[in-house]
N, C-alpha and C. Protein backbone atom coordinates (compact mmCIF):
# COMPACT_ATOMS: atom_id res chain seq x y z
N UNK A 1 3.22 -18.40 0.34
CA UNK A 1 2.71 -17.07 0.58
C UNK A 1 3.68 -16.34 1.51
N UNK A 2 3.79 -15.03 1.28
CA UNK A 2 4.65 -14.21 2.13
C UNK A 2 3.79 -13.53 3.20
N UNK A 3 4.40 -13.27 4.34
CA UNK A 3 3.73 -12.58 5.43
C UNK A 3 4.44 -11.27 5.70
N UNK A 4 3.68 -10.19 5.83
CA UNK A 4 4.21 -8.87 6.15
C UNK A 4 3.29 -8.22 7.19
N UNK A 5 3.65 -6.98 7.55
CA UNK A 5 2.82 -6.19 8.45
C UNK A 5 2.47 -4.87 7.77
N UNK A 6 1.25 -4.40 8.02
CA UNK A 6 0.89 -3.05 7.57
C UNK A 6 1.75 -2.07 8.36
N UNK A 7 1.74 -0.82 7.96
CA UNK A 7 2.53 0.19 8.66
C UNK A 7 2.02 0.40 10.09
N UNK A 8 0.77 0.07 10.34
CA UNK A 8 0.22 0.19 11.69
C UNK A 8 0.36 -1.11 12.49
N UNK A 9 1.04 -2.10 11.92
CA UNK A 9 1.38 -3.31 12.67
C UNK A 9 0.48 -4.51 12.53
N UNK A 10 -0.50 -4.48 11.62
CA UNK A 10 -1.39 -5.63 11.42
C UNK A 10 -0.77 -6.60 10.41
N UNK A 11 -0.79 -7.87 10.78
CA UNK A 11 -0.20 -8.91 9.94
C UNK A 11 -1.10 -9.20 8.75
N UNK A 12 -0.49 -9.53 7.61
CA UNK A 12 -1.25 -9.98 6.44
C UNK A 12 -0.37 -10.90 5.61
N UNK A 13 -1.01 -11.67 4.75
CA UNK A 13 -0.30 -12.54 3.81
C UNK A 13 -0.60 -12.07 2.40
N UNK A 14 0.31 -12.37 1.48
CA UNK A 14 0.04 -12.03 0.09
C UNK A 14 0.81 -12.96 -0.83
N UNK A 15 0.33 -13.00 -2.05
CA UNK A 15 1.06 -13.70 -3.11
C UNK A 15 0.85 -12.95 -4.40
N UNK A 16 1.77 -13.11 -5.31
CA UNK A 16 1.66 -12.46 -6.61
C UNK A 16 1.14 -13.48 -7.61
N UNK A 17 0.08 -13.11 -8.30
CA UNK A 17 -0.48 -13.96 -9.34
C UNK A 17 0.38 -13.83 -10.59
N UNK A 18 0.50 -14.88 -11.40
CA UNK A 18 1.31 -14.79 -12.62
C UNK A 18 0.91 -13.65 -13.57
N UNK A 19 -0.36 -13.21 -13.51
CA UNK A 19 -0.81 -12.10 -14.36
C UNK A 19 -0.44 -10.73 -13.81
N UNK A 20 0.18 -10.70 -12.61
CA UNK A 20 0.65 -9.45 -12.03
C UNK A 20 -0.18 -8.91 -10.88
N UNK A 21 -1.36 -9.49 -10.63
CA UNK A 21 -2.16 -9.04 -9.50
C UNK A 21 -1.51 -9.47 -8.19
N UNK A 22 -1.71 -8.65 -7.17
CA UNK A 22 -1.34 -9.05 -5.81
C UNK A 22 -2.61 -9.51 -5.12
N UNK A 23 -2.56 -10.68 -4.50
CA UNK A 23 -3.69 -11.22 -3.77
C UNK A 23 -3.32 -11.12 -2.29
N UNK A 24 -4.06 -10.28 -1.58
CA UNK A 24 -3.76 -9.97 -0.18
C UNK A 24 -4.81 -10.60 0.72
N UNK A 25 -4.36 -11.27 1.76
CA UNK A 25 -5.24 -11.90 2.75
C UNK A 25 -5.04 -11.18 4.09
N UNK A 26 -5.90 -10.20 4.39
CA UNK A 26 -5.77 -9.50 5.68
C UNK A 26 -6.03 -10.47 6.84
N UNK A 27 -5.42 -10.20 7.97
CA UNK A 27 -5.65 -11.02 9.15
C UNK A 27 -7.07 -10.81 9.68
N UNK A 28 -7.55 -11.77 10.45
CA UNK A 28 -8.84 -11.63 11.11
C UNK A 28 -8.72 -10.57 12.20
N UNK A 29 -9.85 -10.19 12.78
CA UNK A 29 -9.88 -9.17 13.84
C UNK A 29 -8.96 -9.53 15.00
N UNK A 30 -8.87 -10.84 15.31
CA UNK A 30 -8.03 -11.27 16.43
C UNK A 30 -6.55 -11.38 16.06
N UNK A 31 -6.21 -11.06 14.80
CA UNK A 31 -4.82 -11.09 14.35
C UNK A 31 -4.39 -12.39 13.71
N UNK A 32 -5.25 -13.41 13.73
CA UNK A 32 -4.91 -14.69 13.11
C UNK A 32 -4.92 -14.56 11.59
N UNK A 33 -3.97 -15.19 10.94
CA UNK A 33 -3.94 -15.20 9.49
C UNK A 33 -5.08 -16.07 8.96
N UNK A 34 -5.58 -15.71 7.78
CA UNK A 34 -6.69 -16.45 7.18
C UNK A 34 -6.53 -16.45 5.67
N UNK A 35 -7.22 -17.38 5.00
CA UNK A 35 -7.18 -17.48 3.54
C UNK A 35 -8.58 -17.56 2.95
N UNK A 36 -9.60 -17.10 3.68
CA UNK A 36 -10.98 -17.15 3.20
C UNK A 36 -11.37 -15.90 2.43
N UNK A 37 -10.78 -14.77 2.79
CA UNK A 37 -11.18 -13.49 2.22
C UNK A 37 -9.92 -12.78 1.70
N UNK A 38 -10.03 -12.21 0.49
CA UNK A 38 -8.86 -11.58 -0.12
C UNK A 38 -9.20 -10.24 -0.74
N UNK A 39 -8.18 -9.41 -0.87
CA UNK A 39 -8.25 -8.15 -1.60
C UNK A 39 -7.32 -8.29 -2.79
N UNK A 40 -7.80 -7.94 -3.97
CA UNK A 40 -6.99 -8.02 -5.17
C UNK A 40 -6.50 -6.61 -5.52
N UNK A 41 -5.19 -6.49 -5.71
CA UNK A 41 -4.60 -5.22 -6.16
C UNK A 41 -4.12 -5.46 -7.59
N UNK A 42 -4.72 -4.72 -8.52
CA UNK A 42 -4.46 -4.96 -9.94
C UNK A 42 -3.13 -4.37 -10.39
N UNK A 43 -2.59 -4.87 -11.51
CA UNK A 43 -1.37 -4.29 -12.06
C UNK A 43 -1.53 -2.79 -12.37
N UNK A 44 -2.73 -2.38 -12.75
CA UNK A 44 -2.99 -0.96 -13.03
C UNK A 44 -2.75 -0.12 -11.77
N UNK A 45 -3.32 -0.56 -10.65
CA UNK A 45 -3.17 0.17 -9.39
C UNK A 45 -1.73 0.16 -8.93
N UNK A 46 -1.06 -0.97 -9.06
CA UNK A 46 0.35 -1.07 -8.67
C UNK A 46 1.17 -0.07 -9.47
N UNK A 47 0.98 -0.04 -10.78
CA UNK A 47 1.73 0.89 -11.65
C UNK A 47 1.39 2.34 -11.32
N UNK A 48 0.12 2.63 -11.06
CA UNK A 48 -0.31 3.99 -10.72
C UNK A 48 0.42 4.49 -9.47
N UNK A 49 0.48 3.67 -8.45
CA UNK A 49 1.13 4.05 -7.19
C UNK A 49 2.64 4.15 -7.39
N UNK A 50 3.24 3.20 -8.08
CA UNK A 50 4.68 3.26 -8.34
C UNK A 50 5.06 4.53 -9.09
N UNK A 51 4.28 4.88 -10.11
CA UNK A 51 4.55 6.10 -10.89
C UNK A 51 4.45 7.34 -10.02
N UNK A 52 3.44 7.40 -9.15
CA UNK A 52 3.28 8.56 -8.26
C UNK A 52 4.47 8.67 -7.31
N UNK A 53 4.94 7.54 -6.80
CA UNK A 53 6.10 7.55 -5.90
C UNK A 53 7.35 8.02 -6.64
N UNK A 54 7.52 7.56 -7.87
CA UNK A 54 8.69 7.96 -8.66
C UNK A 54 8.71 9.45 -8.97
N UNK A 55 7.52 10.06 -9.09
CA UNK A 55 7.43 11.47 -9.46
C UNK A 55 7.65 12.42 -8.28
N UNK A 56 7.62 11.90 -7.06
CA UNK A 56 7.73 12.75 -5.88
C UNK A 56 8.90 12.31 -5.00
N UNK A 57 9.52 13.25 -4.34
CA UNK A 57 10.52 12.90 -3.33
C UNK A 57 9.80 12.29 -2.14
N UNK A 58 8.69 12.91 -1.74
CA UNK A 58 7.85 12.41 -0.66
C UNK A 58 6.39 12.64 -1.02
N UNK A 59 5.54 11.71 -0.59
CA UNK A 59 4.10 11.85 -0.83
C UNK A 59 3.36 11.20 0.33
N UNK A 60 2.35 11.87 0.89
CA UNK A 60 1.59 11.27 1.98
C UNK A 60 0.83 10.03 1.50
N UNK A 61 0.77 9.01 2.36
CA UNK A 61 0.03 7.81 2.00
C UNK A 61 -1.47 8.06 2.16
N UNK A 62 -1.93 8.36 3.34
CA UNK A 62 -3.34 8.68 3.64
C UNK A 62 -4.31 7.67 3.05
N UNK A 63 -4.37 6.50 3.66
CA UNK A 63 -5.24 5.42 3.18
C UNK A 63 -6.68 5.54 3.66
N UNK A 64 -7.09 6.72 4.11
CA UNK A 64 -8.46 6.95 4.57
C UNK A 64 -9.46 6.60 3.47
N UNK A 65 -10.44 5.80 3.81
CA UNK A 65 -11.46 5.41 2.82
C UNK A 65 -12.42 6.55 2.52
N UNK A 66 -12.64 7.41 3.50
CA UNK A 66 -13.66 8.44 3.37
C UNK A 66 -13.21 9.67 2.61
N UNK A 67 -12.18 10.32 3.10
CA UNK A 67 -11.80 11.60 2.52
C UNK A 67 -10.28 11.80 2.58
N UNK A 68 -9.54 11.07 1.77
CA UNK A 68 -8.09 11.27 1.79
C UNK A 68 -7.74 12.66 1.25
N UNK A 69 -6.76 13.34 1.85
CA UNK A 69 -6.42 14.70 1.42
C UNK A 69 -5.84 14.75 0.00
N UNK A 70 -6.12 15.85 -0.67
CA UNK A 70 -5.58 16.07 -2.02
C UNK A 70 -4.06 15.94 -1.98
N UNK A 71 -3.50 15.40 -3.04
CA UNK A 71 -2.05 15.26 -3.13
C UNK A 71 -1.51 14.02 -2.46
N UNK A 72 -2.39 13.19 -1.90
CA UNK A 72 -1.95 11.95 -1.24
C UNK A 72 -2.16 10.76 -2.17
N UNK A 73 -1.49 9.66 -1.85
CA UNK A 73 -1.72 8.43 -2.62
C UNK A 73 -3.16 7.96 -2.46
N UNK A 74 -3.73 8.16 -1.29
CA UNK A 74 -5.14 7.78 -1.07
C UNK A 74 -6.08 8.52 -1.99
N UNK A 75 -5.84 9.82 -2.19
CA UNK A 75 -6.68 10.61 -3.10
C UNK A 75 -6.52 10.13 -4.53
N UNK A 76 -5.30 9.77 -4.90
CA UNK A 76 -5.03 9.27 -6.25
C UNK A 76 -5.82 7.98 -6.50
N UNK A 77 -5.80 7.08 -5.55
CA UNK A 77 -6.52 5.80 -5.68
C UNK A 77 -8.03 6.03 -5.71
N UNK A 78 -8.50 6.89 -4.81
CA UNK A 78 -9.95 7.16 -4.74
C UNK A 78 -10.45 7.80 -6.03
N UNK A 79 -9.64 8.65 -6.65
CA UNK A 79 -9.99 9.28 -7.92
C UNK A 79 -10.24 8.22 -9.01
N UNK A 80 -9.57 7.08 -8.87
CA UNK A 80 -9.73 5.97 -9.82
C UNK A 80 -10.87 5.02 -9.41
N UNK A 81 -11.70 5.48 -8.45
CA UNK A 81 -12.86 4.71 -7.98
C UNK A 81 -12.45 3.40 -7.30
N UNK A 82 -11.33 3.45 -6.61
CA UNK A 82 -10.85 2.28 -5.88
C UNK A 82 -10.67 2.63 -4.41
N UNK A 83 -10.54 1.62 -3.58
CA UNK A 83 -10.39 1.85 -2.14
C UNK A 83 -8.94 2.16 -1.77
N UNK A 84 -8.74 3.30 -1.09
CA UNK A 84 -7.40 3.61 -0.60
C UNK A 84 -6.88 2.57 0.39
N UNK A 85 -7.75 1.73 0.91
CA UNK A 85 -7.34 0.66 1.83
C UNK A 85 -6.25 -0.22 1.19
N UNK A 86 -6.25 -0.33 -0.12
CA UNK A 86 -5.24 -1.13 -0.80
C UNK A 86 -3.82 -0.68 -0.44
N UNK A 87 -3.68 0.62 -0.17
CA UNK A 87 -2.36 1.16 0.17
C UNK A 87 -1.81 0.58 1.47
N UNK A 88 -2.68 0.20 2.38
CA UNK A 88 -2.24 -0.38 3.65
C UNK A 88 -1.42 -1.65 3.42
N UNK A 89 -1.67 -2.32 2.31
CA UNK A 89 -0.97 -3.55 1.98
C UNK A 89 0.09 -3.32 0.90
N UNK A 90 -0.25 -2.50 -0.09
CA UNK A 90 0.67 -2.27 -1.21
C UNK A 90 1.95 -1.57 -0.78
N UNK A 91 1.84 -0.56 0.08
CA UNK A 91 3.04 0.18 0.48
C UNK A 91 4.05 -0.71 1.21
N UNK A 92 3.66 -1.54 2.19
CA UNK A 92 4.64 -2.44 2.79
C UNK A 92 5.28 -3.41 1.78
N UNK A 93 4.50 -3.84 0.79
CA UNK A 93 5.04 -4.73 -0.25
C UNK A 93 6.08 -3.98 -1.09
N UNK A 94 5.78 -2.72 -1.43
CA UNK A 94 6.73 -1.91 -2.21
C UNK A 94 7.98 -1.58 -1.39
N UNK A 95 7.82 -1.37 -0.08
CA UNK A 95 8.97 -1.14 0.79
C UNK A 95 9.86 -2.38 0.78
N UNK A 96 9.25 -3.56 0.94
CA UNK A 96 10.02 -4.80 0.94
C UNK A 96 10.74 -5.01 -0.39
N UNK A 97 10.13 -4.54 -1.48
CA UNK A 97 10.72 -4.69 -2.82
C UNK A 97 11.82 -3.66 -3.11
N UNK A 98 12.02 -2.71 -2.19
CA UNK A 98 13.05 -1.70 -2.40
C UNK A 98 12.62 -0.54 -3.27
N UNK A 99 11.31 -0.39 -3.50
CA UNK A 99 10.78 0.69 -4.34
C UNK A 99 10.74 2.01 -3.58
N UNK A 100 10.47 1.94 -2.27
CA UNK A 100 10.30 3.16 -1.48
C UNK A 100 10.65 2.88 -0.02
N UNK A 101 10.66 3.96 0.74
CA UNK A 101 10.79 3.92 2.20
C UNK A 101 9.59 4.66 2.77
N UNK A 102 9.38 4.50 4.05
CA UNK A 102 8.29 5.20 4.72
C UNK A 102 8.80 5.82 6.01
N UNK A 103 8.33 7.03 6.28
CA UNK A 103 8.62 7.64 7.58
C UNK A 103 7.29 8.08 8.18
N UNK A 104 7.29 8.17 9.48
CA UNK A 104 6.08 8.58 10.19
C UNK A 104 6.17 10.07 10.49
N UNK A 105 5.07 10.77 10.30
CA UNK A 105 4.98 12.20 10.62
C UNK A 105 3.73 12.37 11.48
N UNK A 106 3.89 12.31 12.79
CA UNK A 106 2.74 12.29 13.69
C UNK A 106 2.00 10.97 13.51
N UNK A 107 0.73 11.05 13.14
CA UNK A 107 -0.05 9.83 12.88
C UNK A 107 -0.04 9.46 11.40
N UNK A 108 0.54 10.30 10.57
CA UNK A 108 0.55 10.06 9.12
C UNK A 108 1.81 9.31 8.69
N UNK A 109 1.70 8.63 7.56
CA UNK A 109 2.84 7.96 6.96
C UNK A 109 3.20 8.69 5.66
N UNK A 110 4.47 8.97 5.49
CA UNK A 110 4.97 9.64 4.30
C UNK A 110 5.80 8.63 3.51
N UNK A 111 5.45 8.44 2.26
CA UNK A 111 6.16 7.52 1.38
C UNK A 111 7.25 8.30 0.66
N UNK A 112 8.47 7.77 0.72
CA UNK A 112 9.62 8.45 0.14
C UNK A 112 10.17 7.63 -1.02
N UNK A 113 10.46 8.31 -2.10
CA UNK A 113 11.07 7.69 -3.27
C UNK A 113 12.43 7.17 -2.87
N UNK A 114 12.63 5.87 -2.91
CA UNK A 114 13.89 5.25 -2.46
C UNK A 114 15.08 5.76 -3.21
N UNK A 115 14.94 5.94 -4.52
CA UNK A 115 16.07 6.38 -5.34
C UNK A 115 16.46 7.83 -5.08
N UNK A 116 15.53 8.63 -4.52
CA UNK A 116 15.82 10.02 -4.23
C UNK A 116 16.54 10.19 -2.90
N UNK A 117 16.53 9.15 -2.05
CA UNK A 117 17.13 9.26 -0.72
C UNK A 117 18.63 9.04 -0.79
N UNK A 118 19.35 9.69 0.12
CA UNK A 118 20.82 9.53 0.16
C UNK A 118 21.21 8.57 1.24
């Protein structure tokens, strides 16, 4: 299993299932890694987010579960009846894979298309 950090600094583990799903194990409240509880990110969601990143030079992440702003990746995920929380794990995985970069704008995170950057 690989270990990464969310953009806000929380540790998590993940592995890729042979069928393409990402299985994410968020850390416990105290920061300890665990393997009892997992979040599954489907190939559909992965492709949806990758496509959105490819279509934009920059796009706000906004992983708010309640009301992500229009035009953000969070709103895109929520429109598909899924939790924007998945972005907290998926975006660092995509950054590690060289798909995108992230910059901070105040308290917000902006996802940048890696291929569009100079």
